[in-house]
Amino acid sequence: MEKIGGETILRTQDVTRVVMEVPKGHRHLRTTLQLADGSSITLQEATVAAIVRAYVTVKTDPVQERVALSGRHVDERKDGYAEWQLMEEA
């Protein structure tokens, strides 16, 4: 990992393995990044989905160069969706 100012950059070579699975007894995907220093980071499905949406938006839109997501509580949502969502900033 590289530190630049107060930011930690997770480089590709810092990730030794990625496991995406639905754990036994669960309904949603979890993605675990195993790191070269022996630690790991596990992301819930909603987090990965939000990152993928932002990635696809920036990569496929000919003019949009940035997407920022902020976490917020959502009262009205589709069935099965969590109350806390990462949503695009206005």
N, C-alpha and C. Protein backbone atom coordinates (compact mmCIF):
# COMPACT_ATOMS: atom_id res chain seq x y z
N MET A 1 0.84 -1.18 0.00
CA MET A 1 0.00 0.00 0.00
C MET A 1 0.88 1.24 0.00
N GLU A 2 0.35 2.25 -0.59
CA GLU A 2 1.08 3.50 -0.69
C GLU A 2 0.29 4.58 0.03
N LYS A 3 0.98 5.41 0.78
CA LYS A 3 0.33 6.53 1.48
C LYS A 3 0.73 7.82 0.79
N ILE A 4 -0.26 8.60 0.41
CA ILE A 4 -0.03 9.90 -0.19
C ILE A 4 -0.85 10.90 0.61
N GLY A 5 -0.18 11.74 1.38
CA GLY A 5 -0.89 12.64 2.28
C GLY A 5 -1.65 11.79 3.28
N GLY A 6 -2.92 12.03 3.45
CA GLY A 6 -3.75 11.23 4.35
C GLY A 6 -4.47 10.11 3.64
N GLU A 7 -4.14 9.87 2.39
CA GLU A 7 -4.84 8.88 1.57
C GLU A 7 -4.01 7.61 1.44
N THR A 8 -4.68 6.46 1.55
CA THR A 8 -4.03 5.17 1.32
C THR A 8 -4.44 4.67 -0.05
N ILE A 9 -3.46 4.37 -0.88
CA ILE A 9 -3.71 3.84 -2.23
C ILE A 9 -3.50 2.33 -2.18
N LEU A 10 -4.51 1.57 -2.50
CA LEU A 10 -4.42 0.11 -2.56
C LEU A 10 -4.07 -0.24 -4.01
N ARG A 11 -2.80 -0.62 -4.22
CA ARG A 11 -2.33 -0.95 -5.56
C ARG A 11 -2.70 -2.39 -5.91
N THR A 12 -2.72 -2.69 -7.18
CA THR A 12 -3.05 -4.05 -7.63
C THR A 12 -2.11 -5.07 -7.00
N GLN A 13 -0.83 -4.76 -6.89
CA GLN A 13 0.13 -5.71 -6.32
C GLN A 13 -0.06 -5.89 -4.82
N ASP A 14 -0.86 -5.03 -4.18
CA ASP A 14 -1.16 -5.20 -2.76
C ASP A 14 -2.26 -6.24 -2.53
N VAL A 15 -2.99 -6.59 -3.58
CA VAL A 15 -4.07 -7.56 -3.48
C VAL A 15 -3.58 -8.91 -3.97
N THR A 16 -3.57 -9.91 -3.08
CA THR A 16 -3.07 -11.23 -3.46
C THR A 16 -4.19 -12.18 -3.89
N ARG A 17 -5.42 -11.85 -3.49
CA ARG A 17 -6.54 -12.75 -3.81
C ARG A 17 -7.85 -11.99 -3.63
N VAL A 18 -8.82 -12.31 -4.46
CA VAL A 18 -10.17 -11.76 -4.32
C VAL A 18 -11.13 -12.93 -4.31
N VAL A 19 -12.00 -12.97 -3.31
CA VAL A 19 -13.02 -14.02 -3.22
C VAL A 19 -14.38 -13.33 -3.16
N MET A 20 -15.24 -13.68 -4.12
CA MET A 20 -16.61 -13.16 -4.14
C MET A 20 -17.53 -14.36 -3.97
N GLU A 21 -18.38 -14.29 -2.95
CA GLU A 21 -19.24 -15.44 -2.67
C GLU A 21 -20.46 -15.01 -1.86
N VAL A 22 -21.46 -15.88 -1.86
CA VAL A 22 -22.58 -15.74 -0.95
C VAL A 22 -22.27 -16.66 0.22
N PRO A 23 -21.94 -16.10 1.39
CA PRO A 23 -21.60 -16.95 2.53
C PRO A 23 -22.78 -17.83 2.94
N LYS A 24 -22.47 -18.98 3.47
CA LYS A 24 -23.49 -19.91 3.93
C LYS A 24 -24.42 -19.20 4.92
N GLY A 25 -25.73 -19.35 4.71
CA GLY A 25 -26.71 -18.73 5.59
C GLY A 25 -27.03 -17.29 5.24
N HIS A 26 -26.44 -16.76 4.16
CA HIS A 26 -26.69 -15.38 3.73
C HIS A 26 -27.31 -15.37 2.34
N ARG A 27 -27.85 -14.21 1.95
CA ARG A 27 -28.48 -14.08 0.63
C ARG A 27 -27.67 -13.20 -0.31
N HIS A 28 -26.78 -12.39 0.22
CA HIS A 28 -26.09 -11.40 -0.59
C HIS A 28 -24.60 -11.70 -0.70
N LEU A 29 -24.04 -11.24 -1.81
CA LEU A 29 -22.61 -11.43 -2.06
C LEU A 29 -21.75 -10.66 -1.06
N ARG A 30 -20.60 -11.19 -0.80
CA ARG A 30 -19.55 -10.48 -0.08
C ARG A 30 -18.28 -10.65 -0.90
N THR A 31 -17.49 -9.62 -0.93
CA THR A 31 -16.24 -9.65 -1.67
C THR A 31 -15.10 -9.37 -0.70
N THR A 32 -14.17 -10.31 -0.62
CA THR A 32 -13.03 -10.16 0.29
C THR A 32 -11.76 -9.98 -0.52
N LEU A 33 -11.05 -8.90 -0.21
CA LEU A 33 -9.74 -8.65 -0.79
C LEU A 33 -8.71 -9.08 0.24
N GLN A 34 -7.90 -10.06 -0.11
CA GLN A 34 -6.82 -10.47 0.76
C GLN A 34 -5.58 -9.70 0.34
N LEU A 35 -4.93 -9.08 1.32
CA LEU A 35 -3.83 -8.19 1.02
C LEU A 35 -2.48 -8.81 1.32
N ALA A 36 -1.45 -8.30 0.65
CA ALA A 36 -0.10 -8.85 0.77
C ALA A 36 0.43 -8.78 2.20
N ASP A 37 -0.05 -7.83 3.00
CA ASP A 37 0.43 -7.71 4.39
C ASP A 37 -0.28 -8.68 5.34
N GLY A 38 -1.17 -9.54 4.80
CA GLY A 38 -1.87 -10.53 5.61
C GLY A 38 -3.24 -10.09 6.08
N SER A 39 -3.56 -8.83 5.91
CA SER A 39 -4.89 -8.35 6.31
C SER A 39 -5.89 -8.58 5.18
N SER A 40 -7.15 -8.31 5.45
CA SER A 40 -8.17 -8.45 4.42
C SER A 40 -9.23 -7.36 4.60
N ILE A 41 -9.94 -7.09 3.52
CA ILE A 41 -11.05 -6.14 3.53
C ILE A 41 -12.23 -6.86 2.91
N THR A 42 -13.37 -6.88 3.60
CA THR A 42 -14.57 -7.51 3.07
C THR A 42 -15.61 -6.43 2.81
N LEU A 43 -16.15 -6.44 1.60
CA LEU A 43 -17.16 -5.48 1.18
C LEU A 43 -18.50 -6.19 0.99
N GLN A 44 -19.57 -5.55 1.43
CA GLN A 44 -20.90 -6.10 1.22
C GLN A 44 -21.32 -5.85 -0.23
N GLU A 45 -22.32 -6.62 -0.67
CA GLU A 45 -22.78 -6.53 -2.06
C GLU A 45 -23.18 -5.11 -2.45
N ALA A 46 -23.90 -4.42 -1.58
CA ALA A 46 -24.36 -3.08 -1.92
C ALA A 46 -23.20 -2.12 -2.14
N THR A 47 -22.12 -2.29 -1.40
CA THR A 47 -20.95 -1.43 -1.56
C THR A 47 -20.30 -1.68 -2.92
N VAL A 48 -20.12 -2.94 -3.27
CA VAL A 48 -19.52 -3.29 -4.57
C VAL A 48 -20.42 -2.81 -5.70
N ALA A 49 -21.73 -2.99 -5.56
CA ALA A 49 -22.67 -2.56 -6.60
C ALA A 49 -22.58 -1.05 -6.83
N ALA A 50 -22.47 -0.28 -5.75
CA ALA A 50 -22.36 1.17 -5.88
C ALA A 50 -21.06 1.55 -6.59
N ILE A 51 -19.97 0.89 -6.23
CA ILE A 51 -18.68 1.16 -6.88
C ILE A 51 -18.75 0.81 -8.36
N VAL A 52 -19.37 -0.32 -8.69
CA VAL A 52 -19.49 -0.74 -10.09
C VAL A 52 -20.34 0.26 -10.88
N ARG A 53 -21.45 0.72 -10.30
CA ARG A 53 -22.28 1.72 -10.99
C ARG A 53 -21.48 2.98 -11.28
N ALA A 54 -20.71 3.44 -10.30
CA ALA A 54 -19.91 4.65 -10.50
C ALA A 54 -18.83 4.41 -11.56
N TYR A 55 -18.19 3.27 -11.50
CA TYR A 55 -17.14 2.92 -12.47
C TYR A 55 -17.69 2.90 -13.89
N VAL A 56 -18.81 2.21 -14.08
CA VAL A 56 -19.41 2.11 -15.41
C VAL A 56 -19.82 3.49 -15.93
N THR A 57 -20.36 4.32 -15.05
CA THR A 57 -20.75 5.67 -15.45
C THR A 57 -19.56 6.46 -15.97
N VAL A 58 -18.46 6.47 -15.23
CA VAL A 58 -17.29 7.25 -15.63
C VAL A 58 -16.65 6.66 -16.88
N LYS A 59 -16.57 5.33 -16.97
CA LYS A 59 -15.90 4.69 -18.11
C LYS A 59 -16.70 4.80 -19.41
N THR A 60 -18.03 4.87 -19.32
CA THR A 60 -18.84 4.82 -20.55
C THR A 60 -19.42 6.17 -20.96
N ASP A 61 -19.44 7.15 -20.08
CA ASP A 61 -19.97 8.47 -20.43
C ASP A 61 -18.85 9.28 -21.07
N PRO A 62 -19.09 9.82 -22.27
CA PRO A 62 -18.01 10.53 -22.98
C PRO A 62 -17.58 11.85 -22.33
N VAL A 63 -18.38 12.39 -21.42
CA VAL A 63 -18.00 13.67 -20.80
C VAL A 63 -17.84 13.60 -19.29
N GLN A 64 -18.47 12.64 -18.64
CA GLN A 64 -18.40 12.58 -17.18
C GLN A 64 -17.08 11.97 -16.74
N GLU A 65 -16.33 12.71 -15.94
CA GLU A 65 -15.01 12.27 -15.50
C GLU A 65 -14.96 11.92 -14.02
N ARG A 66 -16.08 12.10 -13.31
CA ARG A 66 -16.07 11.89 -11.86
C ARG A 66 -17.47 11.55 -11.38
N VAL A 67 -17.53 10.63 -10.44
CA VAL A 67 -18.76 10.33 -9.71
C VAL A 67 -18.37 10.29 -8.24
N ALA A 68 -19.15 10.97 -7.41
CA ALA A 68 -18.93 10.93 -5.96
C ALA A 68 -20.19 10.33 -5.33
N LEU A 69 -19.99 9.37 -4.44
CA LEU A 69 -21.09 8.72 -3.74
C LEU A 69 -21.02 9.09 -2.27
N SER A 70 -22.19 9.31 -1.68
CA SER A 70 -22.26 9.60 -0.24
C SER A 70 -23.26 8.65 0.38
N GLY A 71 -22.94 8.20 1.60
CA GLY A 71 -23.84 7.33 2.31
C GLY A 71 -24.97 8.14 2.93
N ARG A 72 -26.18 7.59 2.82
CA ARG A 72 -27.32 8.26 3.45
C ARG A 72 -28.42 7.25 3.78
N HIS A 73 -29.21 7.61 4.74
CA HIS A 73 -30.35 6.80 5.16
C HIS A 73 -31.48 7.01 4.17
N VAL A 74 -32.08 5.91 3.70
CA VAL A 74 -33.17 5.99 2.73
C VAL A 74 -34.40 5.33 3.34
N ASP A 75 -35.46 6.12 3.55
CA ASP A 75 -36.70 5.57 4.11
C ASP A 75 -37.50 4.80 3.06
N GLU A 76 -37.68 5.41 1.89
CA GLU A 76 -38.46 4.77 0.82
C GLU A 76 -37.50 4.05 -0.11
N ARG A 77 -37.62 2.73 -0.16
CA ARG A 77 -36.71 1.93 -0.97
C ARG A 77 -37.41 0.65 -1.41
N LYS A 78 -36.83 -0.02 -2.39
CA LYS A 78 -37.37 -1.29 -2.87
C LYS A 78 -37.22 -2.35 -1.80
N ASP A 79 -38.10 -3.33 -1.85
CA ASP A 79 -38.05 -4.44 -0.89
C ASP A 79 -36.70 -5.15 -0.98
N GLY A 80 -36.10 -5.40 0.16
CA GLY A 80 -34.82 -6.10 0.21
C GLY A 80 -33.62 -5.18 0.20
N TYR A 81 -33.84 -3.89 -0.02
CA TYR A 81 -32.73 -2.94 -0.03
C TYR A 81 -32.48 -2.42 1.38
N ALA A 82 -31.23 -2.17 1.70
CA ALA A 82 -30.85 -1.69 3.03
C ALA A 82 -31.26 -0.23 3.22
N GLU A 83 -31.41 0.15 4.48
CA GLU A 83 -31.75 1.54 4.80
C GLU A 83 -30.60 2.49 4.46
N TRP A 84 -29.36 2.03 4.59
CA TRP A 84 -28.19 2.86 4.32
C TRP A 84 -27.70 2.57 2.91
N GLN A 85 -27.65 3.59 2.08
CA GLN A 85 -27.26 3.42 0.68
C GLN A 85 -26.16 4.40 0.31
N LEU A 86 -25.28 3.98 -0.58
CA LEU A 86 -24.30 4.89 -1.18
C LEU A 86 -24.97 5.43 -2.44
N MET A 87 -25.22 6.74 -2.44
CA MET A 87 -25.96 7.35 -3.54
C MET A 87 -25.13 8.46 -4.16
N GLU A 88 -25.36 8.67 -5.45
CA GLU A 88 -24.62 9.70 -6.17
C GLU A 88 -24.95 11.08 -5.61
N GLU A 89 -23.90 11.87 -5.41
CA GLU A 89 -24.09 13.24 -4.95
C GLU A 89 -24.63 14.09 -6.08
N ALA A 90 -25.44 15.07 -5.73
CA ALA A 90 -26.04 15.96 -6.76
C ALA A 90 -25.01 16.94 -7.30
